[in-house]
All heavy atoms as atom14 arrays in JSON, in Angstrom:
{
  "sequence": "TITFYHQEKFSGILIPIFRKKLESQTVQGFNAMNKKLKEVVEKKYNS",
  "atom14_mask": [
    [1, 1, 1, 1, 1, 1, 1, 0, 0, 0, 0, 0, 0, 0],
    [1, 1, 1, 1, 1, 1, 1, 1, 0, 0, 0, 0, 0, 0],
    [1, 1, 1, 1, 1, 1, 1, 0, 0, 0, 0, 0, 0, 0],
    [1, 1, 1, 1, 1, 1, 1, 1, 1, 1, 1, 0, 0, 0],
    [1, 1, 1, 1, 1, 1, 1, 1, 1, 1, 1, 1, 0, 0],
    [1, 1, 1, 1, 1, 1, 1, 1, 1, 1, 0, 0, 0, 0],
    [1, 1, 1, 1, 1, 1, 1, 1, 1, 0, 0, 0, 0, 0],
    [1, 1, 1, 1, 1, 1, 1, 1, 1, 0, 0, 0, 0, 0],
    [1, 1, 1, 1, 1, 1, 1, 1, 1, 0, 0, 0, 0, 0],
    [1, 1, 1, 1, 1, 1, 1, 1, 1, 1, 1, 0, 0, 0],
    [1, 1, 1, 1, 1, 1, 0, 0, 0, 0, 0, 0, 0, 0],
    [1, 1, 1, 1, 0, 0, 0, 0, 0, 0, 0, 0, 0, 0],
    [1, 1, 1, 1, 1, 1, 1, 1, 0, 0, 0, 0, 0, 0],
    [1, 1, 1, 1, 1, 1, 1, 1, 0, 0, 0, 0, 0, 0],
    [1, 1, 1, 1, 1, 1, 1, 1, 0, 0, 0, 0, 0, 0],
    [1, 1, 1, 1, 1, 1, 1, 0, 0, 0, 0, 0, 0, 0],
    [1, 1, 1, 1, 1, 1, 1, 1, 0, 0, 0, 0, 0, 0],
    [1, 1, 1, 1, 1, 1, 1, 1, 1, 1, 1, 0, 0, 0],
    [1, 1, 1, 1, 1, 1, 1, 1, 1, 1, 1, 0, 0, 0],
    [1, 1, 1, 1, 1, 1, 1, 1, 1, 0, 0, 0, 0, 0],
    [1, 1, 1, 1, 1, 1, 1, 1, 1, 0, 0, 0, 0, 0],
    [1, 1, 1, 1, 1, 1, 1, 1, 0, 0, 0, 0, 0, 0],
    [1, 1, 1, 1, 1, 1, 1, 1, 1, 0, 0, 0, 0, 0],
    [1, 1, 1, 1, 1, 1, 0, 0, 0, 0, 0, 0, 0, 0],
    [1, 1, 1, 1, 1, 1, 1, 1, 1, 0, 0, 0, 0, 0],
    [1, 1, 1, 1, 1, 1, 1, 0, 0, 0, 0, 0, 0, 0],
    [1, 1, 1, 1, 1, 1, 1, 0, 0, 0, 0, 0, 0, 0],
    [1, 1, 1, 1, 1, 1, 1, 1, 1, 0, 0, 0, 0, 0],
    [1, 1, 1, 1, 0, 0, 0, 0, 0, 0, 0, 0, 0, 0],
    [1, 1, 1, 1, 1, 1, 1, 1, 1, 1, 1, 0, 0, 0],
    [1, 1, 1, 1, 1, 1, 1, 1, 0, 0, 0, 0, 0, 0],
    [1, 1, 1, 1, 1, 0, 0, 0, 0, 0, 0, 0, 0, 0],
    [1, 1, 1, 1, 1, 1, 1, 1, 0, 0, 0, 0, 0, 0],
    [1, 1, 1, 1, 1, 1, 1, 1, 0, 0, 0, 0, 0, 0],
    [1, 1, 1, 1, 1, 1, 1, 1, 1, 0, 0, 0, 0, 0],
    [1, 1, 1, 1, 1, 1, 1, 1, 1, 0, 0, 0, 0, 0],
    [1, 1, 1, 1, 1, 1, 1, 1, 0, 0, 0, 0, 0, 0],
    [1, 1, 1, 1, 1, 1, 1, 1, 1, 0, 0, 0, 0, 0],
    [1, 1, 1, 1, 1, 1, 1, 1, 1, 0, 0, 0, 0, 0],
    [1, 1, 1, 1, 1, 1, 1, 0, 0, 0, 0, 0, 0, 0],
    [1, 1, 1, 1, 1, 1, 1, 0, 0, 0, 0, 0, 0, 0],
    [1, 1, 1, 1, 1, 1, 1, 1, 1, 0, 0, 0, 0, 0],
    [1, 1, 1, 1, 1, 1, 1, 1, 1, 0, 0, 0, 0, 0],
    [1, 1, 1, 1, 1, 1, 1, 1, 1, 0, 0, 0, 0, 0],
    [1, 1, 1, 1, 1, 1, 1, 1, 1, 1, 1, 1, 0, 0],
    [1, 1, 1, 1, 1, 1, 1, 1, 0, 0, 0, 0, 0, 0],
    [1, 1, 1, 1, 1, 1, 0, 0, 0, 0, 0, 0, 0, 0]
  ],
  "atom14_positions": [
    [[39.98, -19.11, 28.77], [38.79, -19.92, 29.23], [37.58, -19.53, 28.43], [37.6, -18.41, 27.85], [38.46, -19.74, 30.7], [37.97, -18.41, 30.96], [39.74, -20.02, 31.62], [0.0, 0.0, 0.0], [0.0, 0.0, 0.0], [0.0, 0.0, 0.0], [0.0, 0.0, 0.0], [0.0, 0.0, 0.0], [0.0, 0.0, 0.0], [0.0, 0.0, 0.0]],
    [[36.6, -20.33, 28.44], [35.21, -19.91, 27.78], [34.3, -20.28, 28.92], [34.52, -21.05, 29.77], [34.98, -20.72, 26.5], [34.93, -22.27, 26.78], [36.09, -20.39, 25.49], [33.58, -22.78, 26.9], [0.0, 0.0, 0.0], [0.0, 0.0, 0.0], [0.0, 0.0, 0.0], [0.0, 0.0, 0.0], [0.0, 0.0, 0.0], [0.0, 0.0, 0.0]],
    [[33.08, -19.69, 28.73], [31.92, -20.07, 29.36], [30.93, -20.77, 28.56], [30.67, -20.28, 27.46], [31.24, -18.87, 30.08], [32.15, -18.22, 30.97], [29.95, -19.29, 30.92], [0.0, 0.0, 0.0], [0.0, 0.0, 0.0], [0.0, 0.0, 0.0], [0.0, 0.0, 0.0], [0.0, 0.0, 0.0], [0.0, 0.0, 0.0], [0.0, 0.0, 0.0]],
    [[30.66, -21.93, 28.83], [29.67, -22.78, 28.05], [28.27, -22.83, 28.59], [28.06, -23.16, 29.73], [30.24, -24.24, 27.93], [29.39, -25.23, 27.13], [29.37, -25.05, 25.78], [28.66, -26.22, 27.74], [28.51, -25.9, 24.98], [27.9, -27.1, 27.07], [27.83, -26.91, 25.6], [0.0, 0.0, 0.0], [0.0, 0.0, 0.0], [0.0, 0.0, 0.0]],
    [[27.43, -22.34, 27.77], [25.96, -22.34, 28.2], [25.18, -23.42, 27.39], [25.41, -23.57, 26.12], [25.33, -20.92, 27.77], [25.98, -19.81, 28.44], [27.0, -19.12, 27.82], [25.42, -19.33, 29.69], [27.61, -18.06, 28.49], [26.07, -18.27, 30.29], [27.11, -17.6, 29.73], [27.68, -16.58, 30.36], [0.0, 0.0, 0.0], [0.0, 0.0, 0.0]],
    [[24.44, -24.16, 28.2], [23.7, -25.38, 27.54], [22.19, -25.11, 28.01], [21.98, -25.18, 29.23], [24.35, -26.71, 28.18], [23.71, -27.91, 27.59], [24.21, -29.1, 27.86], [22.77, -28.13, 26.72], [23.48, -30.09, 27.31], [22.6, -29.44, 26.53], [0.0, 0.0, 0.0], [0.0, 0.0, 0.0], [0.0, 0.0, 0.0], [0.0, 0.0, 0.0]],
    [[21.41, -24.73, 27.07], [20.06, -24.39, 27.41], [19.02, -24.98, 26.53], [19.39, -25.42, 25.46], [19.97, -22.82, 27.21], [20.98, -22.02, 27.98], [21.09, -20.62, 27.51], [21.8, -20.31, 26.55], [20.25, -19.72, 28.09], [0.0, 0.0, 0.0], [0.0, 0.0, 0.0], [0.0, 0.0, 0.0], [0.0, 0.0, 0.0], [0.0, 0.0, 0.0]],
    [[17.81, -25.03, 26.93], [16.67, -25.4, 26.17], [15.5, -24.66, 26.54], [15.19, -24.6, 27.85], [16.45, -26.91, 26.16], [15.53, -27.33, 25.21], [15.66, -28.72, 24.57], [16.54, -29.42, 24.92], [14.97, -29.01, 23.67], [0.0, 0.0, 0.0], [0.0, 0.0, 0.0], [0.0, 0.0, 0.0], [0.0, 0.0, 0.0], [0.0, 0.0, 0.0]],
    [[14.68, -24.17, 25.58], [13.34, -23.63, 25.88], [12.39, -24.6, 25.36], [12.38, -25.05, 24.29], [13.21, -22.25, 25.07], [14.06, -21.13, 25.6], [13.77, -19.83, 24.82], [14.71, -18.73, 25.18], [14.45, -17.58, 24.53], [0.0, 0.0, 0.0], [0.0, 0.0, 0.0], [0.0, 0.0, 0.0], [0.0, 0.0, 0.0], [0.0, 0.0, 0.0]],
    [[11.45, -24.89, 26.28], [10.39, -25.81, 25.95], [9.08, -25.14, 25.93], [8.82, -24.16, 26.69], [10.3, -26.91, 27.1], [11.51, -27.73, 27.24], [12.46, -27.5, 28.21], [11.69, -28.76, 26.32], [13.61, -28.25, 28.32], [12.82, -29.65, 26.44], [13.76, -29.39, 27.45], [0.0, 0.0, 0.0], [0.0, 0.0, 0.0], [0.0, 0.0, 0.0]],
    [[8.11, -25.51, 24.94], [6.92, -25.08, 24.91], [5.81, -26.08, 24.53], [6.35, -27.15, 23.99], [6.78, -23.83, 24.03], [7.26, -24.18, 22.71], [0.0, 0.0, 0.0], [0.0, 0.0, 0.0], [0.0, 0.0, 0.0], [0.0, 0.0, 0.0], [0.0, 0.0, 0.0], [0.0, 0.0, 0.0], [0.0, 0.0, 0.0], [0.0, 0.0, 0.0]],
    [[4.56, -25.81, 24.56], [3.57, -26.82, 24.17], [2.7, -27.21, 25.24], [3.03, -27.09, 26.43], [0.0, 0.0, 0.0], [0.0, 0.0, 0.0], [0.0, 0.0, 0.0], [0.0, 0.0, 0.0], [0.0, 0.0, 0.0], [0.0, 0.0, 0.0], [0.0, 0.0, 0.0], [0.0, 0.0, 0.0], [0.0, 0.0, 0.0], [0.0, 0.0, 0.0]],
    [[1.58, -27.8, 24.86], [0.56, -28.16, 25.79], [0.91, -29.26, 26.67], [0.32, -29.48, 27.78], [-0.79, -28.48, 25.11], [-0.69, -29.69, 24.13], [-1.32, -27.26, 24.42], [-1.98, -30.07, 23.53], [0.0, 0.0, 0.0], [0.0, 0.0, 0.0], [0.0, 0.0, 0.0], [0.0, 0.0, 0.0], [0.0, 0.0, 0.0], [0.0, 0.0, 0.0]],
    [[2.05, -30.13, 26.43], [2.39, -31.22, 27.27], [3.43, -30.8, 28.34], [3.79, -31.58, 29.11], [3.01, -32.34, 26.38], [1.99, -33.03, 25.5], [2.71, -34.15, 24.71], [0.79, -33.63, 26.35], [0.0, 0.0, 0.0], [0.0, 0.0, 0.0], [0.0, 0.0, 0.0], [0.0, 0.0, 0.0], [0.0, 0.0, 0.0], [0.0, 0.0, 0.0]],
    [[3.83, -29.51, 28.31], [4.81, -29.07, 29.32], [4.41, -29.49, 30.78], [5.23, -30.03, 31.63], [5.06, -27.59, 29.19], [5.8, -27.25, 27.89], [5.93, -27.02, 30.44], [7.19, -27.93, 27.77], [0.0, 0.0, 0.0], [0.0, 0.0, 0.0], [0.0, 0.0, 0.0], [0.0, 0.0, 0.0], [0.0, 0.0, 0.0], [0.0, 0.0, 0.0]],
    [[3.22, -29.17, 31.26], [2.89, -29.53, 32.64], [3.03, -31.03, 32.97], [3.44, -31.34, 34.01], [1.4, -29.17, 32.69], [1.19, -28.1, 31.65], [2.06, -28.54, 30.53], [0.0, 0.0, 0.0], [0.0, 0.0, 0.0], [0.0, 0.0, 0.0], [0.0, 0.0, 0.0], [0.0, 0.0, 0.0], [0.0, 0.0, 0.0], [0.0, 0.0, 0.0]],
    [[2.86, -31.99, 32.0], [3.07, -33.34, 32.19], [4.44, -33.7, 32.4], [4.84, -34.47, 33.12], [2.36, -34.13, 31.02], [0.88, -33.91, 30.98], [2.77, -35.57, 31.04], [0.3, -34.42, 29.78], [0.0, 0.0, 0.0], [0.0, 0.0, 0.0], [0.0, 0.0, 0.0], [0.0, 0.0, 0.0], [0.0, 0.0, 0.0], [0.0, 0.0, 0.0]],
    [[5.43, -33.05, 31.62], [6.75, -33.43, 31.6], [7.66, -32.4, 32.51], [8.86, -32.67, 32.7], [7.42, -33.38, 30.24], [6.84, -34.42, 29.28], [6.03, -34.03, 28.16], [7.11, -35.73, 29.53], [5.52, -34.97, 27.35], [6.56, -36.73, 28.6], [5.83, -36.38, 27.59], [0.0, 0.0, 0.0], [0.0, 0.0, 0.0], [0.0, 0.0, 0.0]],
    [[7.06, -31.41, 33.17], [7.82, -30.51, 33.96], [8.77, -31.11, 34.92], [9.9, -30.8, 35.08], [6.83, -29.49, 34.58], [7.65, -28.42, 35.43], [6.67, -27.33, 35.94], [6.04, -26.49, 34.91], [6.53, -25.49, 34.29], [7.75, -25.14, 34.58], [5.84, -24.88, 33.45], [0.0, 0.0, 0.0], [0.0, 0.0, 0.0], [0.0, 0.0, 0.0]],
    [[8.24, -32.01, 35.75], [9.09, -32.51, 36.87], [10.21, -33.28, 36.24], [11.43, -33.28, 36.84], [8.24, -33.45, 37.76], [7.44, -32.64, 38.76], [6.82, -33.6, 39.82], [6.03, -32.77, 40.8], [5.6, -33.5, 41.95], [0.0, 0.0, 0.0], [0.0, 0.0, 0.0], [0.0, 0.0, 0.0], [0.0, 0.0, 0.0], [0.0, 0.0, 0.0]],
    [[10.01, -34.06, 35.22], [11.17, -34.87, 34.51], [12.15, -33.85, 34.02], [13.36, -34.1, 34.06], [10.64, -35.79, 33.57], [11.71, -36.63, 32.88], [11.02, -37.66, 31.99], [12.13, -38.61, 31.41], [11.62, -39.64, 30.55], [0.0, 0.0, 0.0], [0.0, 0.0, 0.0], [0.0, 0.0, 0.0], [0.0, 0.0, 0.0], [0.0, 0.0, 0.0]],
    [[11.68, -32.71, 33.37], [12.63, -31.86, 32.74], [13.43, -31.16, 33.82], [14.64, -30.98, 33.7], [11.86, -30.74, 31.95], [11.12, -31.35, 30.75], [10.15, -30.2, 30.17], [12.06, -31.82, 29.63], [0.0, 0.0, 0.0], [0.0, 0.0, 0.0], [0.0, 0.0, 0.0], [0.0, 0.0, 0.0], [0.0, 0.0, 0.0], [0.0, 0.0, 0.0]],
    [[12.79, -30.76, 35.05], [13.46, -30.15, 36.07], [14.52, -31.02, 36.74], [15.37, -30.44, 37.39], [12.5, -29.52, 37.08], [11.66, -28.39, 36.45], [10.56, -27.91, 37.33], [10.14, -28.63, 38.31], [10.05, -26.75, 37.15], [0.0, 0.0, 0.0], [0.0, 0.0, 0.0], [0.0, 0.0, 0.0], [0.0, 0.0, 0.0], [0.0, 0.0, 0.0]],
    [[14.29, -32.41, 36.75], [15.24, -33.21, 37.42], [16.17, -33.9, 36.45], [17.34, -33.55, 36.26], [14.44, -34.18, 38.31], [13.57, -35.02, 37.46], [0.0, 0.0, 0.0], [0.0, 0.0, 0.0], [0.0, 0.0, 0.0], [0.0, 0.0, 0.0], [0.0, 0.0, 0.0], [0.0, 0.0, 0.0], [0.0, 0.0, 0.0], [0.0, 0.0, 0.0]],
    [[15.6, -34.85, 35.64], [16.47, -35.64, 34.85], [17.18, -34.89, 33.71], [18.29, -35.06, 33.38], [15.6, -36.87, 34.2], [15.27, -37.86, 35.21], [14.32, -38.97, 34.63], [14.03, -38.89, 33.52], [14.13, -39.93, 35.46], [0.0, 0.0, 0.0], [0.0, 0.0, 0.0], [0.0, 0.0, 0.0], [0.0, 0.0, 0.0], [0.0, 0.0, 0.0]],
    [[16.45, -33.97, 33.1], [16.97, -33.27, 31.96], [18.13, -32.3, 32.5], [19.26, -32.18, 31.85], [15.96, -32.39, 31.12], [14.98, -33.39, 30.76], [16.53, -31.69, 29.97], [0.0, 0.0, 0.0], [0.0, 0.0, 0.0], [0.0, 0.0, 0.0], [0.0, 0.0, 0.0], [0.0, 0.0, 0.0], [0.0, 0.0, 0.0], [0.0, 0.0, 0.0]],
    [[17.83, -31.59, 33.59], [18.88, -30.81, 34.16], [20.13, -31.53, 34.52], [21.33, -31.19, 34.33], [18.4, -30.01, 35.34], [19.45, -29.31, 36.11], [17.29, -28.88, 34.94], [0.0, 0.0, 0.0], [0.0, 0.0, 0.0], [0.0, 0.0, 0.0], [0.0, 0.0, 0.0], [0.0, 0.0, 0.0], [0.0, 0.0, 0.0], [0.0, 0.0, 0.0]],
    [[19.98, -32.77, 35.1], [21.13, -33.68, 35.44], [21.78, -34.06, 34.15], [23.06, -34.12, 34.25], [20.51, -34.84, 36.21], [20.0, -34.55, 37.62], [19.27, -35.75, 38.24], [19.28, -36.83, 37.68], [18.8, -35.5, 39.37], [0.0, 0.0, 0.0], [0.0, 0.0, 0.0], [0.0, 0.0, 0.0], [0.0, 0.0, 0.0], [0.0, 0.0, 0.0]],
    [[21.11, -34.37, 33.13], [21.63, -34.78, 31.91], [22.59, -33.58, 31.28], [23.6, -33.76, 30.85], [0.0, 0.0, 0.0], [0.0, 0.0, 0.0], [0.0, 0.0, 0.0], [0.0, 0.0, 0.0], [0.0, 0.0, 0.0], [0.0, 0.0, 0.0], [0.0, 0.0, 0.0], [0.0, 0.0, 0.0], [0.0, 0.0, 0.0], [0.0, 0.0, 0.0]],
    [[21.97, -32.43, 31.27], [22.69, -31.26, 30.77], [23.97, -31.11, 31.57], [25.08, -30.9, 31.03], [21.93, -29.96, 30.94], [20.91, -29.68, 29.83], [20.26, -30.76, 29.11], [20.4, -28.47, 29.61], [19.3, -30.55, 28.15], [19.5, -28.17, 28.61], [19.0, -29.28, 27.88], [0.0, 0.0, 0.0], [0.0, 0.0, 0.0], [0.0, 0.0, 0.0]],
    [[23.92, -31.08, 32.87], [25.11, -30.98, 33.76], [26.16, -32.06, 33.55], [27.37, -31.84, 33.55], [24.62, -30.78, 35.22], [24.09, -29.39, 35.49], [24.46, -28.37, 34.97], [23.12, -29.27, 36.38], [0.0, 0.0, 0.0], [0.0, 0.0, 0.0], [0.0, 0.0, 0.0], [0.0, 0.0, 0.0], [0.0, 0.0, 0.0], [0.0, 0.0, 0.0]],
    [[25.68, -33.25, 33.45], [26.6, -34.45, 33.14], [27.3, -34.24, 31.89], [28.51, -34.35, 31.71], [25.81, -35.67, 33.06], [0.0, 0.0, 0.0], [0.0, 0.0, 0.0], [0.0, 0.0, 0.0], [0.0, 0.0, 0.0], [0.0, 0.0, 0.0], [0.0, 0.0, 0.0], [0.0, 0.0, 0.0], [0.0, 0.0, 0.0], [0.0, 0.0, 0.0]],
    [[26.65, -33.81, 30.81], [27.24, -33.46, 29.54], [28.3, -32.42, 29.7], [29.35, -32.37, 29.18], [26.2, -33.17, 28.51], [26.84, -32.79, 27.13], [25.67, -32.27, 26.01], [26.7, -31.39, 24.81], [0.0, 0.0, 0.0], [0.0, 0.0, 0.0], [0.0, 0.0, 0.0], [0.0, 0.0, 0.0], [0.0, 0.0, 0.0], [0.0, 0.0, 0.0]],
    [[27.83, -31.25, 30.33], [28.81, -30.09, 30.56], [30.09, -30.49, 31.21], [31.13, -30.14, 30.75], [28.1, -29.03, 31.36], [26.87, -28.47, 30.71], [26.52, -28.73, 29.63], [26.13, -27.64, 31.55], [0.0, 0.0, 0.0], [0.0, 0.0, 0.0], [0.0, 0.0, 0.0], [0.0, 0.0, 0.0], [0.0, 0.0, 0.0], [0.0, 0.0, 0.0]],
    [[29.97, -31.35, 32.26], [31.2, -31.67, 33.04], [32.07, -32.67, 32.2], [33.31, -32.6, 32.18], [30.73, -32.48, 34.24], [30.18, -31.54, 35.3], [29.75, -32.46, 36.54], [28.99, -31.39, 37.52], [28.3, -32.19, 38.62], [0.0, 0.0, 0.0], [0.0, 0.0, 0.0], [0.0, 0.0, 0.0], [0.0, 0.0, 0.0], [0.0, 0.0, 0.0]],
    [[31.46, -33.52, 31.34], [32.18, -34.44, 30.54], [32.86, -33.68, 29.33], [33.96, -33.94, 29.1], [31.37, -35.61, 30.01], [32.02, -36.74, 29.44], [32.97, -37.39, 30.5], [33.66, -38.61, 29.94], [34.51, -39.32, 30.79], [0.0, 0.0, 0.0], [0.0, 0.0, 0.0], [0.0, 0.0, 0.0], [0.0, 0.0, 0.0], [0.0, 0.0, 0.0]],
    [[32.07, -32.65, 28.82], [32.73, -31.81, 27.82], [33.89, -31.08, 28.28], [35.02, -31.1, 27.67], [31.67, -30.81, 27.31], [32.12, -29.76, 26.27], [32.5, -30.47, 24.92], [31.08, -28.74, 26.05], [0.0, 0.0, 0.0], [0.0, 0.0, 0.0], [0.0, 0.0, 0.0], [0.0, 0.0, 0.0], [0.0, 0.0, 0.0], [0.0, 0.0, 0.0]],
    [[33.84, -30.57, 29.56], [35.0, -29.88, 30.15], [36.11, -30.83, 30.36], [37.21, -30.44, 29.89], [34.54, -29.33, 31.52], [35.69, -28.72, 32.27], [35.09, -28.2, 33.72], [36.12, -27.67, 34.66], [36.77, -26.51, 34.2], [0.0, 0.0, 0.0], [0.0, 0.0, 0.0], [0.0, 0.0, 0.0], [0.0, 0.0, 0.0], [0.0, 0.0, 0.0]],
    [[35.78, -31.96, 30.86], [36.89, -32.98, 31.08], [37.57, -33.41, 29.79], [38.82, -33.46, 29.68], [36.27, -34.27, 31.69], [37.22, -35.37, 31.98], [36.48, -36.6, 32.51], [35.59, -36.44, 33.44], [36.8, -37.71, 32.03], [0.0, 0.0, 0.0], [0.0, 0.0, 0.0], [0.0, 0.0, 0.0], [0.0, 0.0, 0.0], [0.0, 0.0, 0.0]],
    [[36.82, -33.64, 28.7], [37.41, -34.1, 27.48], [38.16, -33.1, 26.73], [39.34, -33.33, 26.37], [36.17, -34.62, 26.48], [36.68, -34.77, 25.1], [35.67, -35.91, 27.05], [0.0, 0.0, 0.0], [0.0, 0.0, 0.0], [0.0, 0.0, 0.0], [0.0, 0.0, 0.0], [0.0, 0.0, 0.0], [0.0, 0.0, 0.0], [0.0, 0.0, 0.0]],
    [[37.68, -31.85, 26.71], [38.33, -30.81, 26.01], [39.58, -30.39, 26.8], [40.66, -30.21, 26.21], [37.45, -29.47, 25.87], [38.2, -28.34, 25.39], [36.27, -29.86, 24.99], [0.0, 0.0, 0.0], [0.0, 0.0, 0.0], [0.0, 0.0, 0.0], [0.0, 0.0, 0.0], [0.0, 0.0, 0.0], [0.0, 0.0, 0.0], [0.0, 0.0, 0.0]],
    [[39.52, -30.26, 28.09], [40.73, -29.81, 28.93], [41.81, -30.89, 28.85], [42.99, -30.59, 28.67], [40.3, -29.52, 30.36], [39.51, -28.2, 30.49], [39.14, -27.88, 31.87], [39.39, -28.72, 32.8], [38.6, -26.72, 32.11], [0.0, 0.0, 0.0], [0.0, 0.0, 0.0], [0.0, 0.0, 0.0], [0.0, 0.0, 0.0], [0.0, 0.0, 0.0]],
    [[41.42, -32.26, 28.86], [42.38, -33.32, 28.75], [43.04, -33.27, 27.38], [44.24, -33.43, 27.33], [41.72, -34.62, 29.01], [42.69, -35.73, 29.0], [41.95, -37.11, 29.32], [42.98, -38.26, 29.34], [42.28, -39.52, 29.67], [0.0, 0.0, 0.0], [0.0, 0.0, 0.0], [0.0, 0.0, 0.0], [0.0, 0.0, 0.0], [0.0, 0.0, 0.0]],
    [[42.21, -33.1, 26.28], [42.8, -33.17, 24.97], [43.73, -31.96, 24.69], [44.78, -32.12, 24.1], [41.69, -33.14, 23.96], [42.13, -33.25, 22.56], [40.93, -33.41, 21.56], [41.3, -33.42, 20.25], [40.34, -33.6, 19.23], [0.0, 0.0, 0.0], [0.0, 0.0, 0.0], [0.0, 0.0, 0.0], [0.0, 0.0, 0.0], [0.0, 0.0, 0.0]],
    [[43.32, -30.79, 25.12], [44.04, -29.51, 24.7], [44.94, -29.04, 25.74], [45.85, -28.17, 25.4], [43.08, -28.51, 24.29], [42.26, -28.82, 22.98], [40.99, -29.3, 23.06], [42.97, -28.77, 21.72], [40.21, -29.63, 21.87], [42.23, -29.16, 20.62], [40.94, -29.63, 20.69], [40.3, -30.02, 19.48], [0.0, 0.0, 0.0], [0.0, 0.0, 0.0]],
    [[44.87, -29.45, 26.98], [45.7, -28.87, 28.03], [46.64, -30.05, 28.58], [47.14, -29.71, 29.69], [44.82, -28.28, 29.18], [44.05, -27.08, 28.63], [44.42, -26.44, 27.78], [42.89, -26.89, 29.26], [0.0, 0.0, 0.0], [0.0, 0.0, 0.0], [0.0, 0.0, 0.0], [0.0, 0.0, 0.0], [0.0, 0.0, 0.0], [0.0, 0.0, 0.0]],
    [[46.71, -31.12, 28.03], [47.54, -32.18, 28.5], [48.98, -31.75, 28.74], [49.64, -32.35, 29.64], [47.46, -33.48, 27.65], [47.9, -33.24, 26.36], [0.0, 0.0, 0.0], [0.0, 0.0, 0.0], [0.0, 0.0, 0.0], [0.0, 0.0, 0.0], [0.0, 0.0, 0.0], [0.0, 0.0, 0.0], [0.0, 0.0, 0.0], [0.0, 0.0, 0.0]]
  ]
}
């Protein structure tokens, strides 16, 4: 098995404006991608 880390460091003066969206939608997007990556890889290589 592997552990997959999906991360992003944000900086800049606009962070306060985008913080809520990053904490909700971006985190959801990362998790959705991670789950689909797991599904696709496991199906392809472990069938």
